[in-house]
Amino acid sequence: MKSAYSVLKRPLVSEKTAVLAEANKYVFEVYPNAEKPEIAKAVEATFKVTVERVHVVNTKGKVKQSRTKRGEVIKAPDVKKAIVTLKKGDKIELI
């Protein structure tokens, strides 16, 4: 089994994820090679909770034109996110 630090990068905290947290769902940025069972085990080990479901979202980085160099293209990195649903009654205190 991989360690939790080689699966989870960081929790994502925003207004949208705060609304999801009320529904007992938490969002984490994960490494690109992480799989659903590994993500579930890492969250359970790190936060001492029970995971019911894991949804994975791969988002492509935006492509923009450079403002300083003509013709240069700047690309933001791709991000893999995991939306983790916890068992009813479990909670993660991120802030």
Protein backbone atom coordinates (compact mmCIF):
# COMPACT_ATOMS: atom_id res chain seq x y z
CA MET A 1 0.00 0.00 0.00
CA LYS A 2 1.21 3.49 -0.81
CA SER A 3 1.59 6.01 1.98
CA ALA A 4 -1.05 8.73 2.31
CA TYR A 5 1.54 11.35 1.40
CA SER A 6 2.17 9.72 -1.98
CA VAL A 7 -1.58 9.80 -2.80
CA LEU A 8 -3.02 13.03 -1.35
CA LYS A 9 -1.49 16.40 -2.22
CA ARG A 10 -3.73 18.79 -0.30
CA PRO A 11 -7.36 19.48 0.57
CA LEU A 12 -9.06 22.03 -1.67
CA VAL A 13 -10.85 24.77 0.27
CA SER A 14 -13.17 27.17 -1.54
CA GLU A 15 -16.76 28.36 -1.37
CA LYS A 16 -17.91 25.49 -3.54
CA THR A 17 -16.12 22.87 -1.43
CA ALA A 18 -17.56 24.43 1.73
CA VAL A 19 -21.06 23.79 0.35
CA LEU A 20 -20.06 20.20 -0.45
CA ALA A 21 -18.71 19.76 3.09
CA GLU A 22 -22.21 20.40 4.43
CA ALA A 23 -23.31 17.38 2.38
CA ASN A 24 -20.47 15.33 3.96
CA LYS A 25 -18.31 15.50 0.81
CA TYR A 26 -14.71 16.70 0.82
CA VAL A 27 -12.44 17.57 -2.11
CA PHE A 28 -8.73 16.73 -2.29
CA GLU A 29 -6.08 17.33 -4.93
CA VAL A 30 -4.39 13.99 -5.60
CA TYR A 31 -1.41 12.80 -7.62
CA PRO A 32 -2.15 11.80 -11.25
CA ASN A 33 -1.35 8.11 -10.69
CA ALA A 34 -3.65 7.76 -7.63
CA GLU A 35 -6.57 5.32 -7.91
CA LYS A 36 -9.91 5.29 -6.09
CA PRO A 37 -9.11 2.51 -3.55
CA GLU A 38 -5.77 4.16 -2.72
CA ILE A 39 -7.49 7.53 -2.22
CA ALA A 40 -10.09 5.99 0.11
CA LYS A 41 -7.43 4.23 2.22
CA ALA A 42 -5.30 7.40 2.42
CA VAL A 43 -8.21 9.55 3.63
CA GLU A 44 -9.26 6.91 6.16
CA ALA A 45 -5.72 6.59 7.51
CA THR A 46 -5.04 10.32 7.64
CA PHE A 47 -8.30 11.62 9.11
CA LYS A 48 -9.62 8.51 10.99
CA VAL A 49 -12.98 8.48 9.14
CA THR A 50 -14.93 5.96 7.05
CA VAL A 51 -15.13 6.61 3.29
CA GLU A 52 -18.26 5.52 1.41
CA ARG A 53 -17.56 6.77 -2.15
CA VAL A 54 -14.79 8.37 -4.18
CA HIS A 55 -15.38 10.32 -7.39
CA VAL A 56 -12.39 11.40 -9.48
CA VAL A 57 -12.29 14.48 -11.73
CA ASN A 58 -9.45 15.19 -14.17
CA THR A 59 -9.31 18.87 -15.14
CA LYS A 60 -7.17 20.19 -17.96
CA GLY A 61 -5.08 23.30 -17.37
CA LYS A 62 -6.06 26.47 -19.19
CA VAL A 63 -4.06 27.64 -22.20
CA LYS A 64 -3.38 31.38 -22.43
CA GLN A 65 -1.36 33.71 -24.61
CA SER A 66 1.62 35.41 -23.00
CA ARG A 67 1.29 39.16 -22.44
CA THR A 68 5.02 39.82 -22.57
CA LYS A 69 6.29 37.57 -25.37
CA ARG A 70 4.46 37.54 -28.64
CA GLY A 71 3.30 34.08 -29.76
CA GLU A 72 4.28 32.31 -26.54
CA VAL A 73 1.64 30.00 -25.08
CA ILE A 74 1.38 29.48 -21.31
CA LYS A 75 -0.40 26.38 -19.97
CA ALA A 76 -1.54 25.84 -16.41
CA PRO A 77 -0.88 22.35 -15.03
CA ASP A 78 -3.49 19.60 -15.23
CA VAL A 79 -5.13 18.75 -11.89
CA LYS A 80 -6.69 15.53 -10.61
CA LYS A 81 -9.30 16.01 -7.88
CA ALA A 82 -11.04 13.45 -5.68
CA ILE A 83 -14.47 14.10 -4.18
CA VAL A 84 -14.74 11.86 -1.12
CA THR A 85 -18.10 11.07 0.49
CA LEU A 86 -17.88 10.10 4.15
CA LYS A 87 -20.10 7.86 6.25
CA LYS A 88 -22.96 9.74 7.94
CA GLY A 89 -21.75 11.18 11.23
CA ASP A 90 -18.07 11.39 10.24
CA LYS A 91 -16.52 14.80 9.73
CA ILE A 92 -13.16 16.31 8.74
CA GLU A 93 -12.07 19.59 10.33
CA LEU A 94 -10.02 21.33 7.65
CA ILE A 95 -10.16 24.86 9.08
